[in-house]
Amino acid sequence: MSRNEIFWQRLDALLERCEIVIDRPKGSRHPRFHEIVYKLDYGYLAGTSSNDGEGIDVWLGSDAAKMLDAVICTVDLDKGDAEMKLMVGCTAEEKEYIERFYNEWSDMGAHVVMR
């Protein structure tokens, strides 16, 4: 098994073990930047931790299969951090929206990594 396959299997295992908590449902506003309205559900994996000390972030799309087939790596110069966020059940259009979501802000950048 390749390193690439092992990486994705480990992420699949996290998704199986941990509940996805949606704390910013579709249509809600960002807590600090009220002009930002989420077009998809956004949350985290309960019982996990990411670079920022919070749970691993998850974007939840509309595809009923709810498969993990991409992650998005982000850089936030304002916070001085970089993170990987899971994209679960996201269509191609939803992945494009998420990438634009991060790249529209002058102090942020993002890149989608496909499975």
C-alpha atoms as a PDB file:
ATOM      1  CA  MET A   1       0.000   0.000   0.000  1.00  0.00           C
ATOM      2  CA  SER A   2       1.352   3.438  -0.917  1.00  0.00           C
ATOM      3  CA  ARG A   3       1.895   6.306   1.527  1.00  0.00           C
ATOM      4  CA  ASN A   4      -0.819   8.207  -0.299  1.00  0.00           C
ATOM      5  CA  GLU A   5      -3.342   5.384   0.274  1.00  0.00           C
ATOM      6  CA  ILE A   6      -2.345   5.114   3.940  1.00  0.00           C
ATOM      7  CA  PHE A   7      -2.850   8.864   4.425  1.00  0.00           C
ATOM      8  CA  TRP A   8      -6.409   8.738   3.040  1.00  0.00           C
ATOM      9  CA  GLN A   9      -7.232   5.549   4.975  1.00  0.00           C
ATOM     10  CA  ARG A  10      -6.180   7.245   8.218  1.00  0.00           C
ATOM     11  CA  LEU A  11      -8.420  10.225   7.464  1.00  0.00           C
ATOM     12  CA  ASP A  12     -11.291   7.827   6.675  1.00  0.00           C
ATOM     13  CA  ALA A  13     -10.690   6.152  10.047  1.00  0.00           C
ATOM     14  CA  LEU A  14     -10.918   9.527  11.827  1.00  0.00           C
ATOM     15  CA  LEU A  15     -14.226  10.202  10.109  1.00  0.00           C
ATOM     16  CA  GLU A  16     -15.558   6.783  11.168  1.00  0.00           C
ATOM     17  CA  ARG A  17     -14.490   7.253  14.801  1.00  0.00           C
ATOM     18  CA  CYS A  18     -15.407  10.893  15.352  1.00  0.00           C
ATOM     19  CA  GLU A  19     -18.695  12.727  15.148  1.00  0.00           C
ATOM     20  CA  ILE A  20     -18.934  15.683  12.780  1.00  0.00           C
ATOM     21  CA  VAL A  21     -20.217  18.674  14.762  1.00  0.00           C
ATOM     22  CA  ILE A  22     -21.682  21.460  12.612  1.00  0.00           C
ATOM     23  CA  ASP A  23     -21.180  24.722  14.483  1.00  0.00           C
ATOM     24  CA  ARG A  24     -21.650  26.983  11.449  1.00  0.00           C
ATOM     25  CA  PRO A  25     -24.645  25.692   9.507  1.00  0.00           C
ATOM     26  CA  LYS A  26     -25.315  26.638   5.911  1.00  0.00           C
ATOM     27  CA  GLY A  27     -26.685  30.209   5.860  1.00  0.00           C
ATOM     28  CA  SER A  28     -25.044  31.254   9.146  1.00  0.00           C
ATOM     29  CA  ARG A  29     -22.606  34.150   9.516  1.00  0.00           C
ATOM     30  CA  HIS A  30     -18.958  33.988  10.571  1.00  0.00           C
ATOM     31  CA  PRO A  31     -18.630  34.888  14.276  1.00  0.00           C
ATOM     32  CA  ARG A  32     -15.971  37.601  13.725  1.00  0.00           C
ATOM     33  CA  PHE A  33     -16.561  38.631  10.122  1.00  0.00           C
ATOM     34  CA  HIS A  34     -20.328  39.094   9.906  1.00  0.00           C
ATOM     35  CA  GLU A  35     -20.249  39.838   6.174  1.00  0.00           C
ATOM     36  CA  ILE A  36     -19.256  36.192   5.543  1.00  0.00           C
ATOM     37  CA  VAL A  37     -22.230  33.873   5.078  1.00  0.00           C
ATOM     38  CA  TYR A  38     -21.532  30.131   4.870  1.00  0.00           C
ATOM     39  CA  LYS A  39     -23.022  28.467   1.760  1.00  0.00           C
ATOM     40  CA  LEU A  40     -22.217  24.995   3.153  1.00  0.00           C
ATOM     41  CA  ASP A  41     -22.232  23.378   6.574  1.00  0.00           C
ATOM     42  CA  TYR A  42     -18.924  23.886   8.401  1.00  0.00           C
ATOM     43  CA  GLY A  43     -17.796  22.290  11.618  1.00  0.00           C
ATOM     44  CA  TYR A  44     -15.215  20.015  13.163  1.00  0.00           C
ATOM     45  CA  LEU A  45     -14.494  16.441  14.207  1.00  0.00           C
ATOM     46  CA  ALA A  46     -15.275  15.977  17.901  1.00  0.00           C
ATOM     47  CA  GLY A  47     -12.388  14.610  19.956  1.00  0.00           C
ATOM     48  CA  THR A  48      -9.674  15.706  17.510  1.00  0.00           C
ATOM     49  CA  SER A  49      -7.233  18.586  17.499  1.00  0.00           C
ATOM     50  CA  SER A  50      -5.709  20.686  14.762  1.00  0.00           C
ATOM     51  CA  ASN A  51      -2.895  23.233  14.610  1.00  0.00           C
ATOM     52  CA  ASP A  52      -5.106  25.894  16.196  1.00  0.00           C
ATOM     53  CA  GLY A  53      -5.897  23.651  19.204  1.00  0.00           C
ATOM     54  CA  GLU A  54      -9.499  23.132  18.084  1.00  0.00           C
ATOM     55  CA  GLY A  55     -11.054  20.127  16.360  1.00  0.00           C
ATOM     56  CA  ILE A  56     -10.115  19.241  12.782  1.00  0.00           C
ATOM     57  CA  ASP A  57     -12.271  21.428  10.522  1.00  0.00           C
ATOM     58  CA  VAL A  58     -14.786  19.843   8.166  1.00  0.00           C
ATOM     59  CA  TRP A  59     -16.724  21.220   5.219  1.00  0.00           C
ATOM     60  CA  LEU A  60     -19.858  19.119   4.638  1.00  0.00           C
ATOM     61  CA  GLY A  61     -21.252  19.193   1.118  1.00  0.00           C
ATOM     62  CA  SER A  62     -24.475  18.056  -0.505  1.00  0.00           C
ATOM     63  CA  ASP A  63     -23.306  14.767  -2.046  1.00  0.00           C
ATOM     64  CA  ALA A  64     -25.317  12.015  -0.342  1.00  0.00           C
ATOM     65  CA  ALA A  65     -22.351   9.586  -0.470  1.00  0.00           C
ATOM     66  CA  LYS A  66     -20.518  11.750   2.143  1.00  0.00           C
ATOM     67  CA  MET A  67     -17.131  10.524   0.938  1.00  0.00           C
ATOM     68  CA  LEU A  68     -13.855  12.211   1.829  1.00  0.00           C
ATOM     69  CA  ASP A  69     -12.161  12.834  -1.502  1.00  0.00           C
ATOM     70  CA  ALA A  70     -10.308  16.086  -0.873  1.00  0.00           C
ATOM     71  CA  VAL A  71      -8.710  18.257   1.777  1.00  0.00           C
ATOM     72  CA  ILE A  72      -7.964  21.944   1.625  1.00  0.00           C
ATOM     73  CA  CYS A  73      -4.727  23.306   3.040  1.00  0.00           C
ATOM     74  CA  THR A  74      -4.997  26.881   4.265  1.00  0.00           C
ATOM     75  CA  VAL A  75      -2.571  29.573   5.336  1.00  0.00           C
ATOM     76  CA  ASP A  76      -3.817  32.439   7.519  1.00  0.00           C
ATOM     77  CA  LEU A  77      -1.247  35.221   7.898  1.00  0.00           C
ATOM     78  CA  ASP A  78      -3.480  37.074  10.387  1.00  0.00           C
ATOM     79  CA  LYS A  79      -3.518  34.081  12.769  1.00  0.00           C
ATOM     80  CA  GLY A  80      -0.027  32.952  11.754  1.00  0.00           C
ATOM     81  CA  ASP A  81      -1.095  29.381  11.109  1.00  0.00           C
ATOM     82  CA  ALA A  82      -1.641  26.738   8.472  1.00  0.00           C
ATOM     83  CA  GLU A  83      -4.257  24.002   8.618  1.00  0.00           C
ATOM     84  CA  MET A  84      -5.720  21.097   6.730  1.00  0.00           C
ATOM     85  CA  LYS A  85      -9.514  20.934   6.546  1.00  0.00           C
ATOM     86  CA  LEU A  86     -11.545  17.929   5.401  1.00  0.00           C
ATOM     87  CA  MET A  87     -13.995  18.165   2.506  1.00  0.00           C
ATOM     88  CA  VAL A  88     -16.716  15.548   2.987  1.00  0.00           C
ATOM     89  CA  GLY A  89     -19.396  14.955   0.386  1.00  0.00           C
ATOM     90  CA  CYS A  90     -18.459  18.057  -1.583  1.00  0.00           C
ATOM     91  CA  THR A  91     -19.308  18.324  -5.262  1.00  0.00           C
ATOM     92  CA  ALA A  92     -16.838  19.869  -7.717  1.00  0.00           C
ATOM     93  CA  GLU A  93     -18.738  23.177  -7.509  1.00  0.00           C
ATOM     94  CA  GLU A  94     -18.688  23.103  -3.712  1.00  0.00           C
ATOM     95  CA  LYS A  95     -14.937  22.469  -3.695  1.00  0.00           C
ATOM     96  CA  GLU A  96     -14.474  25.488  -5.952  1.00  0.00           C
ATOM     97  CA  TYR A  97     -16.605  27.598  -3.577  1.00  0.00           C
ATOM     98  CA  ILE A  98     -14.521  26.505  -0.571  1.00  0.00           C
ATOM     99  CA  GLU A  99     -11.247  27.306  -2.324  1.00  0.00           C
ATOM    100  CA  ARG A 100     -12.567  30.755  -3.322  1.00  0.00           C
ATOM    101  CA  PHE A 101     -13.822  31.237   0.252  1.00  0.00           C
ATOM    102  CA  TYR A 102     -10.231  31.195   1.551  1.00  0.00           C
ATOM    103  CA  ASN A 103      -8.457  32.797  -1.384  1.00  0.00           C
ATOM    104  CA  GLU A 104     -10.702  35.886  -1.476  1.00  0.00           C
ATOM    105  CA  TRP A 105      -9.191  37.250   1.730  1.00  0.00           C
ATOM    106  CA  SER A 106      -5.928  39.124   1.316  1.00  0.00           C
ATOM    107  CA  ASP A 107      -4.263  37.501   4.338  1.00  0.00           C
ATOM    108  CA  MET A 108      -5.333  33.936   3.490  1.00  0.00           C
ATOM    109  CA  GLY A 109      -4.519  31.370   0.849  1.00  0.00           C
ATOM    110  CA  ALA A 110      -5.652  27.829   0.151  1.00  0.00           C
ATOM    111  CA  HIS A 111      -5.053  24.852  -2.097  1.00  0.00           C
ATOM    112  CA  VAL A 112      -7.292  21.806  -2.634  1.00  0.00           C
ATOM    113  CA  VAL A 113      -5.609  18.392  -2.560  1.00  0.00           C
ATOM    114  CA  MET A 114      -7.647  15.691  -4.289  1.00  0.00           C
ATOM    115  CA  ARG A 115      -7.634  12.042  -3.258  1.00  0.00           C
END
